[in-house]
Amino acid sequence: MENVVRTKKPRIRRRRYLEDEAHHVYQRTMHRFNIFYDIEDYLVYYTIFAVAARQYGVTVLGLCLMIDHIHMLLKTETKVALSEFVRQVTSMFAREQNEDIGRSGSLFQARFGSAPKKGLKLLRTAIAYLYNNPVERGLCRSVEEYRWNFLPYATSSHPFSKPIVISHASRALKRAVKEVDRAKSQDRHLRYAQLSRLMKKLDMSEKEQLTDHIVSVYNPIAYNAVISCYGNLSTMLTAVNSNTGSEFDIKEDRYRFSDMEYQHMMGVVNEYTDIRPVRKVAVLDVDEKLRLCHLLQRKVSGTNLQIAKFLRLELSES
């Protein structure tokens, strides 16, 4: 009789959950690939997140969308609600993006990371860590400069554009605002085709106005609850900008190179190729990806790893 070799299944760490406490949630992408390219990627994910937060009764203390991962600081009524909320958001976004670019399969790792933050000290370090992520990755110099950690919207509904004056707005912008407001009132997230259609009719300044409007009307973040951890916003910004925070419970990948290189890659794709939207680099065949890889190697300073992540191209182990 042949010997049977029994292998141990990898031990899955039990998720820690503390009732009435905030939890830092960290969502990684498959193979650490990029998932946010064009502005529609951010807005589709964000509106899905905002609608689901309302449906699940989630208190959102922070959300930061990075190019290849996501940070959230959440309070939920139960451990089950936390898992179901994250699963709903990530699966729905994957379905929307896959449908848009014509692919199938997962975008995120099946298991997300989470860690409870009991007490004001741990909560503050989590807040600083989340909002400082884009600073650490070289995307901005201060936390209030990055649109996709949504901190600029704590004090303004239009931090990156001029306020929309409907009576003076173009017909296209008026229609876009009306359509966005209707979708929000019906608890519907925005979809890729819808956003593409709305943005196509706007000039650059109007696109910025519409983006600010979308973020503001859907905004689920409980800014007062976050700011109360510091007393006032000014104190919070000073503290967060001077302290990157720490996260010992969730291991994050560390890269020595700036994520700004991905913005440079976006520029190269827009200037030298006819790939539109840029997120469609994900569904190029291998030969096309390799040709684009050689172009990016000539035009940007990014590492081979960064280029591979941008193209969703798996590197050889050799």
C-alpha atoms as a PDB file:
ATOM      1  CA  MET A   1       0.000   0.000   0.000  1.00  0.00           C
ATOM      2  CA  GLU A   2       1.417   3.330  -0.993  1.00  0.00           C
ATOM      3  CA  ASN A   3       2.178   5.843   1.676  1.00  0.00           C
ATOM      4  CA  VAL A   4      -0.188   8.784   1.711  1.00  0.00           C
ATOM      5  CA  VAL A   5       1.437  12.134   2.339  1.00  0.00           C
ATOM      6  CA  ARG A   6      -0.888  14.380   4.280  1.00  0.00           C
ATOM      7  CA  THR A   7      -0.248  18.083   3.944  1.00  0.00           C
ATOM      8  CA  LYS A   8      -1.541  20.621   6.364  1.00  0.00           C
ATOM      9  CA  LYS A   9      -3.874  23.221   5.035  1.00  0.00           C
ATOM     10  CA  PRO A  10      -2.566  26.752   5.480  1.00  0.00           C
ATOM     11  CA  ARG A  11      -3.910  28.196   8.689  1.00  0.00           C
ATOM     12  CA  ILE A  12      -6.386  30.982   8.108  1.00  0.00           C
ATOM     13  CA  ARG A  13      -6.092  33.623  10.758  1.00  0.00           C
ATOM     14  CA  ARG A  14      -9.366  34.241  12.514  1.00  0.00           C
ATOM     15  CA  ARG A  15     -10.682  37.751  11.908  1.00  0.00           C
ATOM     16  CA  ARG A  16     -10.592  39.914  15.019  1.00  0.00           C
ATOM     17  CA  TYR A  17     -13.658  42.042  15.600  1.00  0.00           C
ATOM     18  CA  LEU A  18     -14.547  44.348  18.475  1.00  0.00           C
ATOM     19  CA  GLU A  19     -18.067  45.606  18.839  1.00  0.00           C
ATOM     20  CA  ASP A  20     -18.493  49.421  18.774  1.00  0.00           C
ATOM     21  CA  GLU A  21     -14.901  49.958  17.584  1.00  0.00           C
ATOM     22  CA  ALA A  22     -13.587  51.193  14.260  1.00  0.00           C
ATOM     23  CA  HIS A  23     -11.828  48.660  12.032  1.00  0.00           C
ATOM     24  CA  HIS A  24      -9.057  49.374   9.579  1.00  0.00           C
ATOM     25  CA  VAL A  25      -9.837  47.378   6.447  1.00  0.00           C
ATOM     26  CA  TYR A  26      -7.163  46.796   3.831  1.00  0.00           C
ATOM     27  CA  GLN A  27      -8.090  45.357   0.433  1.00  0.00           C
ATOM     28  CA  ARG A  28      -5.349  44.068  -1.854  1.00  0.00           C
ATOM     29  CA  THR A  29      -5.692  43.447  -5.580  1.00  0.00           C
ATOM     30  CA  MET A  30      -4.871  40.156  -7.274  1.00  0.00           C
ATOM     31  CA  HIS A  31      -1.122  39.922  -7.965  1.00  0.00           C
ATOM     32  CA  ARG A  32      -0.865  43.540  -6.677  1.00  0.00           C
ATOM     33  CA  PHE A  33      -2.043  44.689 -10.123  1.00  0.00           C
ATOM     34  CA  ASN A  34      -3.353  48.204 -10.704  1.00  0.00           C
ATOM     35  CA  ILE A  35      -7.134  48.638 -10.825  1.00  0.00           C
ATOM     36  CA  PHE A  36      -7.570  52.429 -10.875  1.00  0.00           C
ATOM     37  CA  TYR A  37      -6.575  54.089 -14.137  1.00  0.00           C
ATOM     38  CA  ASP A  38      -9.113  56.606 -15.449  1.00  0.00           C
ATOM     39  CA  ILE A  39     -11.301  58.854 -13.338  1.00  0.00           C
ATOM     40  CA  GLU A  40     -14.280  56.613 -14.103  1.00  0.00           C
ATOM     41  CA  ASP A  41     -12.581  53.774 -12.198  1.00  0.00           C
ATOM     42  CA  TYR A  42     -12.443  55.863  -9.033  1.00  0.00           C
ATOM     43  CA  LEU A  43     -15.981  57.176  -9.392  1.00  0.00           C
ATOM     44  CA  VAL A  44     -17.574  53.810 -10.129  1.00  0.00           C
ATOM     45  CA  TYR A  45     -15.897  52.255  -7.078  1.00  0.00           C
ATOM     46  CA  TYR A  46     -16.658  55.270  -4.886  1.00  0.00           C
ATOM     47  CA  THR A  47     -20.356  55.418  -5.720  1.00  0.00           C
ATOM     48  CA  ILE A  48     -20.705  51.651  -5.232  1.00  0.00           C
ATOM     49  CA  PHE A  49     -19.025  52.053  -1.843  1.00  0.00           C
ATOM     50  CA  ALA A  50     -21.218  55.013  -0.843  1.00  0.00           C
ATOM     51  CA  VAL A  51     -24.488  53.309  -1.784  1.00  0.00           C
ATOM     52  CA  ALA A  52     -23.506  50.083   0.000  1.00  0.00           C
ATOM     53  CA  ALA A  53     -22.414  51.982   3.127  1.00  0.00           C
ATOM     54  CA  ARG A  54     -25.885  53.450   3.378  1.00  0.00           C
ATOM     55  CA  GLN A  55     -27.564  50.098   2.757  1.00  0.00           C
ATOM     56  CA  TYR A  56     -25.482  48.287   5.383  1.00  0.00           C
ATOM     57  CA  GLY A  57     -25.577  51.102   7.949  1.00  0.00           C
ATOM     58  CA  VAL A  58     -21.792  51.489   7.912  1.00  0.00           C
ATOM     59  CA  THR A  59     -20.151  54.467   9.604  1.00  0.00           C
ATOM     60  CA  VAL A  60     -17.247  55.508   7.387  1.00  0.00           C
ATOM     61  CA  LEU A  61     -14.368  57.257   9.138  1.00  0.00           C
ATOM     62  CA  GLY A  62     -12.028  57.026   6.201  1.00  0.00           C
ATOM     63  CA  LEU A  63     -11.620  55.769   2.652  1.00  0.00           C
ATOM     64  CA  CYS A  64      -8.456  56.005   0.579  1.00  0.00           C
ATOM     65  CA  LEU A  65      -8.301  54.684  -2.969  1.00  0.00           C
ATOM     66  CA  MET A  66      -4.768  53.923  -4.044  1.00  0.00           C
ATOM     67  CA  ILE A  67      -3.814  52.729  -7.499  1.00  0.00           C
ATOM     68  CA  ASP A  68      -3.375  49.101  -6.446  1.00  0.00           C
ATOM     69  CA  HIS A  69      -5.077  48.807  -3.053  1.00  0.00           C
ATOM     70  CA  ILE A  70      -7.743  50.321  -0.816  1.00  0.00           C
ATOM     71  CA  HIS A  71      -7.862  51.459   2.796  1.00  0.00           C
ATOM     72  CA  MET A  72     -11.080  51.869   4.783  1.00  0.00           C
ATOM     73  CA  LEU A  73     -11.788  52.826   8.396  1.00  0.00           C
ATOM     74  CA  LEU A  74     -15.239  51.499   9.249  1.00  0.00           C
ATOM     75  CA  LYS A  75     -17.655  50.898  12.103  1.00  0.00           C
ATOM     76  CA  THR A  76     -20.328  48.256  11.585  1.00  0.00           C
ATOM     77  CA  GLU A  77     -22.961  46.790  13.856  1.00  0.00           C
ATOM     78  CA  THR A  78     -21.649  43.225  13.512  1.00  0.00           C
ATOM     79  CA  LYS A  79     -18.709  41.225  12.239  1.00  0.00           C
ATOM     80  CA  VAL A  80     -20.962  39.685   9.586  1.00  0.00           C
ATOM     81  CA  ALA A  81     -22.026  43.140   8.384  1.00  0.00           C
ATOM     82  CA  LEU A  82     -18.362  44.138   7.966  1.00  0.00           C
ATOM     83  CA  SER A  83     -17.585  41.091   5.824  1.00  0.00           C
ATOM     84  CA  GLU A  84     -20.755  41.335   3.777  1.00  0.00           C
ATOM     85  CA  PHE A  85     -20.232  45.038   3.124  1.00  0.00           C
ATOM     86  CA  VAL A  86     -16.656  44.629   1.866  1.00  0.00           C
ATOM     87  CA  ARG A  87     -17.630  41.575  -0.204  1.00  0.00           C
ATOM     88  CA  GLN A  88     -20.545  43.449  -1.774  1.00  0.00           C
ATOM     89  CA  VAL A  89     -18.456  46.478  -2.727  1.00  0.00           C
ATOM     90  CA  THR A  90     -15.495  44.594  -4.165  1.00  0.00           C
ATOM     91  CA  SER A  91     -17.544  42.005  -6.057  1.00  0.00           C
ATOM     92  CA  MET A  92     -19.813  44.647  -7.563  1.00  0.00           C
ATOM     93  CA  PHE A  93     -16.866  46.808  -8.641  1.00  0.00           C
ATOM     94  CA  ALA A  94     -15.109  43.802 -10.180  1.00  0.00           C
ATOM     95  CA  ARG A  95     -18.259  42.940 -12.091  1.00  0.00           C
ATOM     96  CA  GLU A  96     -18.648  46.520 -13.359  1.00  0.00           C
ATOM     97  CA  GLN A  97     -15.026  46.900 -14.474  1.00  0.00           C
ATOM     98  CA  ASN A  98     -14.879  43.438 -16.025  1.00  0.00           C
ATOM     99  CA  GLU A  99     -18.024  44.116 -18.005  1.00  0.00           C
ATOM    100  CA  ASP A 100     -16.654  47.461 -19.187  1.00  0.00           C
ATOM    101  CA  ILE A 101     -13.334  46.172 -20.507  1.00  0.00           C
ATOM    102  CA  GLY A 102     -14.406  42.668 -21.487  1.00  0.00           C
ATOM    103  CA  ARG A 103     -12.664  40.374 -19.037  1.00  0.00           C
ATOM    104  CA  SER A 104     -13.607  37.906 -16.323  1.00  0.00           C
ATOM    105  CA  GLY A 105     -12.146  36.854 -13.011  1.00  0.00           C
ATOM    106  CA  SER A 106     -11.346  38.378  -9.654  1.00  0.00           C
ATOM    107  CA  LEU A 107      -9.790  41.788  -9.142  1.00  0.00           C
ATOM    108  CA  PHE A 108      -9.224  41.486  -5.405  1.00  0.00           C
ATOM    109  CA  GLN A 109      -7.774  38.866  -3.123  1.00  0.00           C
ATOM    110  CA  ALA A 110     -10.528  36.726  -1.632  1.00  0.00           C
ATOM    111  CA  ARG A 111      -9.706  37.623   1.954  1.00  0.00           C
ATOM    112  CA  PHE A 112      -9.356  41.220   3.031  1.00  0.00           C
ATOM    113  CA  GLY A 113      -7.283  42.387   5.967  1.00  0.00           C
ATOM    114  CA  SER A 114      -8.860  44.057   8.977  1.00  0.00           C
ATOM    115  CA  ALA A 115      -7.846  45.149  12.434  1.00  0.00           C
ATOM    116  CA  PRO A 116      -9.925  46.693  15.257  1.00  0.00           C
ATOM    117  CA  LYS A 117      -8.749  50.019  16.679  1.00  0.00           C
ATOM    118  CA  LYS A 118      -9.652  50.166  20.359  1.00  0.00           C
ATOM    119  CA  GLY A 119      -8.988  53.433  22.113  1.00  0.00           C
ATOM    120  CA  LEU A 120      -8.220  56.934  20.902  1.00  0.00           C
ATOM    121  CA  LYS A 121      -4.475  56.372  20.439  1.00  0.00           C
ATOM    122  CA  LEU A 122      -4.878  53.420  18.080  1.00  0.00           C
ATOM    123  CA  LEU A 123      -7.707  55.154  16.246  1.00  0.00           C
ATOM    124  CA  ARG A 124      -5.590  58.244  15.648  1.00  0.00           C
ATOM    125  CA  THR A 125      -2.682  56.200  14.307  1.00  0.00           C
ATOM    126  CA  ALA A 126      -5.069  54.423  11.923  1.00  0.00           C
ATOM    127  CA  ILE A 127      -6.507  57.753  10.750  1.00  0.00           C
ATOM    128  CA  ALA A 128      -3.013  59.130  10.129  1.00  0.00           C
ATOM    129  CA  TYR A 129      -1.948  55.950   8.337  1.00  0.00           C
ATOM    130  CA  LEU A 130      -4.968  55.911   6.037  1.00  0.00           C
ATOM    131  CA  TYR A 131      -4.933  59.575   5.065  1.00  0.00           C
ATOM    132  CA  ASN A 132      -1.139  59.661   4.711  1.00  0.00           C
ATOM    133  CA  ASN A 133      -0.946  56.711   2.320  1.00  0.00           C
ATOM    134  CA  PRO A 134      -0.832  58.889  -0.841  1.00  0.00           C
ATOM    135  CA  VAL A 135       1.871  61.063   0.751  1.00  0.00           C
ATOM    136  CA  GLU A 136       3.935  57.993   1.563  1.00  0.00           C
ATOM    137  CA  ARG A 137       3.546  56.750  -2.017  1.00  0.00           C
ATOM    138  CA  GLY A 138       4.723  60.066  -3.484  1.00  0.00           C
ATOM    139  CA  LEU A 139       1.387  61.204  -4.951  1.00  0.00           C
ATOM    140  CA  CYS A 140       1.150  64.468  -2.998  1.00  0.00           C
ATOM    141  CA  ARG A 141       2.925  66.494  -0.339  1.00  0.00           C
ATOM    142  CA  SER A 142       0.113  66.818   2.199  1.00  0.00           C
ATOM    143  CA  VAL A 143      -2.969  64.771   3.013  1.00  0.00           C
ATOM    144  CA  GLU A 144      -5.436  67.452   1.918  1.00  0.00           C
ATOM    145  CA  GLU A 145      -4.057  67.535  -1.646  1.00  0.00           C
ATOM    146  CA  TYR A 146      -5.184  64.039  -2.652  1.00  0.00           C
ATOM    147  CA  ARG A 147      -8.686  63.787  -4.083  1.00  0.00           C
ATOM    148  CA  TRP A 148      -9.164  60.064  -3.486  1.00  0.00           C
ATOM    149  CA  ASN A 149      -8.713  60.069   0.289  1.00  0.00           C
ATOM    150  CA  PHE A 150     -11.674  62.495   0.205  1.00  0.00           C
ATOM    151  CA  LEU A 151     -10.264  64.680   2.981  1.00  0.00           C
ATOM    152  CA  PRO A 152     -10.419  67.848   0.809  1.00  0.00           C
ATOM    153  CA  TYR A 153     -14.213  67.422   0.826  1.00  0.00           C
ATOM    154  CA  ALA A 154     -14.416  67.858   4.595  1.00  0.00           C
ATOM    155  CA  THR A 155     -14.574  71.626   4.161  1.00  0.00           C
ATOM    156  CA  SER A 156     -15.641  72.145   0.551  1.00  0.00           C
ATOM    157  CA  SER A 157     -18.001  70.573  -1.956  1.00  0.00           C
ATOM    158  CA  HIS A 158     -15.751  71.700  -4.808  1.00  0.00           C
ATOM    159  CA  PRO A 159     -12.096  71.621  -3.672  1.00  0.00           C
ATOM    160  CA  PHE A 160     -10.718  70.967  -7.172  1.00  0.00           C
ATOM    161  CA  SER A 161     -13.030  73.128  -9.282  1.00  0.00           C
ATOM    162  CA  LYS A 162     -15.185  76.228  -9.394  1.00  0.00           C
ATOM    163  CA  PRO A 163     -18.653  75.913  -7.849  1.00  0.00           C
ATOM    164  CA  ILE A 164     -21.370  74.931 -10.302  1.00  0.00           C
ATOM    165  CA  VAL A 165     -23.797  77.763 -10.940  1.00  0.00           C
ATOM    166  CA  ILE A 166     -26.662  75.974 -12.645  1.00  0.00           C
ATOM    167  CA  SER A 167     -28.103  79.129 -14.187  1.00  0.00           C
ATOM    168  CA  HIS A 168     -24.765  79.717 -15.981  1.00  0.00           C
ATOM    169  CA  ALA A 169     -23.824  76.094 -16.660  1.00  0.00           C
ATOM    170  CA  SER A 170     -23.751  74.561 -20.126  1.00  0.00           C
ATOM    171  CA  ARG A 171     -26.643  72.356 -21.170  1.00  0.00           C
ATOM    172  CA  ALA A 172     -24.420  69.268 -20.996  1.00  0.00           C
ATOM    173  CA  LEU A 173     -23.304  70.031 -17.447  1.00  0.00           C
ATOM    174  CA  LYS A 174     -26.870  70.743 -16.310  1.00  0.00           C
ATOM    175  CA  ARG A 175     -28.014  67.403 -17.694  1.00  0.00           C
ATOM    176  CA  ALA A 176     -25.086  65.594 -16.109  1.00  0.00           C
ATOM    177  CA  VAL A 177     -25.763  67.107 -12.683  1.00  0.00           C
ATOM    178  CA  LYS A 178     -29.454  66.254 -12.954  1.00  0.00           C
ATOM    179  CA  GLU A 179     -28.686  62.651 -13.904  1.00  0.00           C
ATOM    180  CA  VAL A 180     -26.187  62.230 -11.068  1.00  0.00           C
ATOM    181  CA  ASP A 181     -28.610  63.695  -8.534  1.00  0.00           C
ATOM    182  CA  ARG A 182     -31.367  61.385  -9.732  1.00  0.00           C
ATOM    183  CA  ALA A 183     -29.140  58.312  -9.434  1.00  0.00           C
ATOM    184  CA  LYS A 184     -28.106  59.314  -5.916  1.00  0.00           C
ATOM    185  CA  SER A 185     -31.717  59.913  -4.827  1.00  0.00           C
ATOM    186  CA  GLN A 186     -32.556  56.401  -6.046  1.00  0.00           C
ATOM    187  CA  ASP A 187     -29.555  54.848  -4.248  1.00  0.00           C
ATOM    188  CA  ARG A 188     -27.963  53.772  -7.524  1.00  0.00           C
ATOM    189  CA  HIS A 189     -24.239  53.787  -8.146  1.00  0.00           C
ATOM    190  CA  LEU A 190     -22.833  55.277 -11.344  1.00  0.00           C
ATOM    191  CA  ARG A 191     -21.745  52.949 -14.132  1.00  0.00           C
ATOM    192  CA  TYR A 192     -18.885  53.105 -16.616  1.00  0.00           C
ATOM    193  CA  ALA A 193     -20.969  53.684 -19.742  1.00  0.00           C
ATOM    194  CA  GLN A 194     -23.025  56.318 -17.975  1.00  0.00           C
ATOM    195  CA  LEU A 195     -19.984  58.251 -16.734  1.00  0.00           C
ATOM    196  CA  SER A 196     -18.269  57.994 -20.112  1.00  0.00           C
ATOM    197  CA  ARG A 197     -21.348  59.404 -21.817  1.00  0.00           C
ATOM    198  CA  LEU A 198     -21.675  62.282 -19.346  1.00  0.00           C
ATOM    199  CA  MET A 199     -17.982  63.197 -19.350  1.00  0.00           C
ATOM    200  CA  LYS A 200     -17.656  63.038 -23.149  1.00  0.00           C
ATOM    201  CA  LYS A 201     -19.810  66.137 -23.577  1.00  0.00           C
ATOM    202  CA  LEU A 202     -17.885  68.262 -21.063  1.00  0.00           C
ATOM    203  CA  ASP A 203     -14.710  70.318 -21.330  1.00  0.00           C
ATOM    204  CA  MET A 204     -11.870  69.778 -18.849  1.00  0.00           C
ATOM    205  CA  SER A 205     -13.055  72.337 -16.290  1.00  0.00           C
ATOM    206  CA  GLU A 206     -16.590  70.953 -16.429  1.00  0.00           C
ATOM    207  CA  LYS A 207     -15.288  67.419 -15.906  1.00  0.00           C
ATOM    208  CA  GLU A 208     -13.593  68.609 -12.740  1.00  0.00           C
ATOM    209  CA  GLN A 209     -16.812  70.288 -11.628  1.00  0.00           C
ATOM    210  CA  LEU A 210     -18.855  67.163 -12.259  1.00  0.00           C
ATOM    211  CA  THR A 211     -16.313  64.976 -10.445  1.00  0.00           C
ATOM    212  CA  ASP A 212     -16.443  67.241  -7.391  1.00  0.00           C
ATOM    213  CA  HIS A 213     -20.225  67.196  -7.541  1.00  0.00           C
ATOM    214  CA  ILE A 214     -20.355  63.389  -7.665  1.00  0.00           C
ATOM    215  CA  VAL A 215     -17.983  63.020  -4.725  1.00  0.00           C
ATOM    216  CA  SER A 216     -19.910  65.587  -2.688  1.00  0.00           C
ATOM    217  CA  VAL A 217     -23.446  64.319  -3.250  1.00  0.00           C
ATOM    218  CA  TYR A 218     -22.503  60.671  -2.632  1.00  0.00           C
ATOM    219  CA  ASN A 219     -20.077  61.407   0.221  1.00  0.00           C
ATOM    220  CA  PRO A 220     -20.536  58.832   3.041  1.00  0.00           C
ATOM    221  CA  ILE A 221     -17.693  59.944   5.318  1.00  0.00           C
ATOM    222  CA  ALA A 222     -18.582  60.977   8.878  1.00  0.00           C
ATOM    223  CA  TYR A 223     -16.110  63.862   9.022  1.00  0.00           C
ATOM    224  CA  ASN A 224     -17.372  65.143  12.365  1.00  0.00           C
ATOM    225  CA  ALA A 225     -16.657  61.789  13.984  1.00  0.00           C
ATOM    226  CA  VAL A 226     -13.129  61.752  12.536  1.00  0.00           C
ATOM    227  CA  ILE A 227     -12.385  65.364  13.458  1.00  0.00           C
ATOM    228  CA  SER A 228     -13.702  64.838  17.005  1.00  0.00           C
ATOM    229  CA  CYS A 229     -10.712  62.553  17.622  1.00  0.00           C
ATOM    230  CA  TYR A 230      -8.535  65.681  17.453  1.00  0.00           C
ATOM    231  CA  GLY A 231     -10.880  68.460  18.594  1.00  0.00           C
ATOM    232  CA  ASN A 232     -10.947  70.440  15.352  1.00  0.00           C
ATOM    233  CA  LEU A 233      -9.931  70.085  11.714  1.00  0.00           C
ATOM    234  CA  SER A 234      -6.902  72.356  11.940  1.00  0.00           C
ATOM    235  CA  THR A 235      -5.444  70.308  14.785  1.00  0.00           C
ATOM    236  CA  MET A 236      -6.228  67.110  12.915  1.00  0.00           C
ATOM    237  CA  LEU A 237      -4.482  68.237   9.730  1.00  0.00           C
ATOM    238  CA  THR A 238      -1.423  69.377  11.681  1.00  0.00           C
ATOM    239  CA  ALA A 239      -1.254  66.093  13.572  1.00  0.00           C
ATOM    240  CA  VAL A 240      -1.857  63.849  10.561  1.00  0.00           C
ATOM    241  CA  ASN A 241       0.593  65.704   8.312  1.00  0.00           C
ATOM    242  CA  SER A 242       3.312  65.431  10.961  1.00  0.00           C
ATOM    243  CA  ASN A 243       2.690  61.777  11.800  1.00  0.00           C
ATOM    244  CA  THR A 244       2.318  59.042   9.198  1.00  0.00           C
ATOM    245  CA  GLY A 245       0.723  56.742  11.750  1.00  0.00           C
ATOM    246  CA  SER A 246       1.460  53.039  11.976  1.00  0.00           C
ATOM    247  CA  GLU A 247      -0.190  49.744  11.214  1.00  0.00           C
ATOM    248  CA  PHE A 248       1.223  46.653  12.880  1.00  0.00           C
ATOM    249  CA  ASP A 249      -1.834  44.452  12.389  1.00  0.00           C
ATOM    250  CA  ILE A 250      -1.960  44.626   8.585  1.00  0.00           C
ATOM    251  CA  LYS A 251       1.167  44.080   6.536  1.00  0.00           C
ATOM    252  CA  GLU A 252       1.354  46.432   3.570  1.00  0.00           C
ATOM    253  CA  ASP A 253       3.727  46.119   0.640  1.00  0.00           C
ATOM    254  CA  ARG A 254       6.579  48.587   0.713  1.00  0.00           C
ATOM    255  CA  TYR A 255       7.964  50.160  -2.449  1.00  0.00           C
ATOM    256  CA  ARG A 256      10.827  52.600  -2.687  1.00  0.00           C
ATOM    257  CA  PHE A 257       9.514  54.188  -5.872  1.00  0.00           C
ATOM    258  CA  SER A 258       6.835  56.840  -6.307  1.00  0.00           C
ATOM    259  CA  ASP A 259       3.362  55.968  -7.524  1.00  0.00           C
ATOM    260  CA  MET A 260       3.584  59.091  -9.688  1.00  0.00           C
ATOM    261  CA  GLU A 261       5.215  56.846 -12.267  1.00  0.00           C
ATOM    262  CA  TYR A 262       1.780  55.377 -12.955  1.00  0.00           C
ATOM    263  CA  GLN A 263       0.544  58.852 -13.877  1.00  0.00           C
ATOM    264  CA  HIS A 264       3.463  59.120 -16.303  1.00  0.00           C
ATOM    265  CA  MET A 265       2.501  55.753 -17.804  1.00  0.00           C
ATOM    266  CA  MET A 266      -1.056  56.989 -18.276  1.00  0.00           C
ATOM    267  CA  GLY A 267       0.351  59.968 -20.169  1.00  0.00           C
ATOM    268  CA  VAL A 268       2.458  57.759 -22.432  1.00  0.00           C
ATOM    269  CA  VAL A 269      -0.509  55.528 -23.274  1.00  0.00           C
ATOM    270  CA  ASN A 270      -2.643  58.572 -24.088  1.00  0.00           C
ATOM    271  CA  GLU A 271       0.063  60.201 -26.224  1.00  0.00           C
ATOM    272  CA  TYR A 272       1.548  57.259 -28.101  1.00  0.00           C
ATOM    273  CA  THR A 273      -1.299  54.741 -28.440  1.00  0.00           C
ATOM    274  CA  ASP A 274      -4.958  54.647 -29.358  1.00  0.00           C
ATOM    275  CA  ILE A 275      -5.907  52.595 -26.286  1.00  0.00           C
ATOM    276  CA  ARG A 276      -8.999  54.275 -24.854  1.00  0.00           C
ATOM    277  CA  PRO A 277      -9.818  54.173 -22.036  1.00  0.00           C
ATOM    278  CA  VAL A 278      -6.423  53.414 -20.534  1.00  0.00           C
ATOM    279  CA  ARG A 279      -7.806  50.659 -18.279  1.00  0.00           C
ATOM    280  CA  LYS A 280      -8.114  48.527 -21.414  1.00  0.00           C
ATOM    281  CA  VAL A 281      -4.381  47.827 -21.190  1.00  0.00           C
ATOM    282  CA  ALA A 282      -5.530  45.075 -18.828  1.00  0.00           C
ATOM    283  CA  VAL A 283      -7.096  43.072 -21.663  1.00  0.00           C
ATOM    284  CA  LEU A 284      -4.398  43.401 -24.310  1.00  0.00           C
ATOM    285  CA  ASP A 285      -2.925  40.084 -25.418  1.00  0.00           C
ATOM    286  CA  VAL A 286       0.536  39.189 -24.158  1.00  0.00           C
ATOM    287  CA  ASP A 287       2.371  40.301 -27.300  1.00  0.00           C
ATOM    288  CA  GLU A 288       0.634  43.701 -27.227  1.00  0.00           C
ATOM    289  CA  LYS A 289       1.456  44.084 -23.550  1.00  0.00           C
ATOM    290  CA  LEU A 290       5.113  43.289 -24.221  1.00  0.00           C
ATOM    291  CA  ARG A 291       5.262  45.877 -27.018  1.00  0.00           C
ATOM    292  CA  LEU A 292       3.704  48.463 -24.717  1.00  0.00           C
ATOM    293  CA  CYS A 293       6.089  47.365 -21.964  1.00  0.00           C
ATOM    294  CA  HIS A 294       9.075  48.205 -24.193  1.00  0.00           C
ATOM    295  CA  LEU A 295       7.565  51.623 -24.971  1.00  0.00           C
ATOM    296  CA  LEU A 296       7.042  52.380 -21.288  1.00  0.00           C
ATOM    297  CA  GLN A 297      10.580  51.270 -20.460  1.00  0.00           C
ATOM    298  CA  ARG A 298      11.854  53.921 -22.897  1.00  0.00           C
ATOM    299  CA  LYS A 299       9.514  56.706 -21.823  1.00  0.00           C
ATOM    300  CA  VAL A 300       9.189  56.489 -18.034  1.00  0.00           C
ATOM    301  CA  SER A 301      11.438  55.975 -15.049  1.00  0.00           C
ATOM    302  CA  GLY A 302       9.244  53.312 -13.471  1.00  0.00           C
ATOM    303  CA  THR A 303      10.652  49.932 -12.548  1.00  0.00           C
ATOM    304  CA  ASN A 304       9.838  46.734 -14.423  1.00  0.00           C
ATOM    305  CA  LEU A 305       7.644  45.757 -11.483  1.00  0.00           C
ATOM    306  CA  GLN A 306       5.657  48.984 -11.738  1.00  0.00           C
ATOM    307  CA  ILE A 307       5.226  48.562 -15.499  1.00  0.00           C
ATOM    308  CA  ALA A 308       4.084  44.966 -15.005  1.00  0.00           C
ATOM    309  CA  LYS A 309       1.558  46.047 -12.356  1.00  0.00           C
ATOM    310  CA  PHE A 310       0.251  48.776 -14.662  1.00  0.00           C
ATOM    311  CA  LEU A 311      -0.168  46.323 -17.568  1.00  0.00           C
ATOM    312  CA  ARG A 312      -1.379  43.478 -15.317  1.00  0.00           C
ATOM    313  CA  LEU A 313       1.438  41.411 -16.711  1.00  0.00           C
ATOM    314  CA  GLU A 314       2.684  38.541 -14.557  1.00  0.00           C
ATOM    315  CA  LEU A 315       6.453  38.499 -14.208  1.00  0.00           C
ATOM    316  CA  SER A 316       8.412  35.268 -14.596  1.00  0.00           C
ATOM    317  CA  GLU A 317       9.847  33.834 -11.429  1.00  0.00           C
ATOM    318  CA  SER A 318      13.201  33.270 -13.163  1.00  0.00           C
END
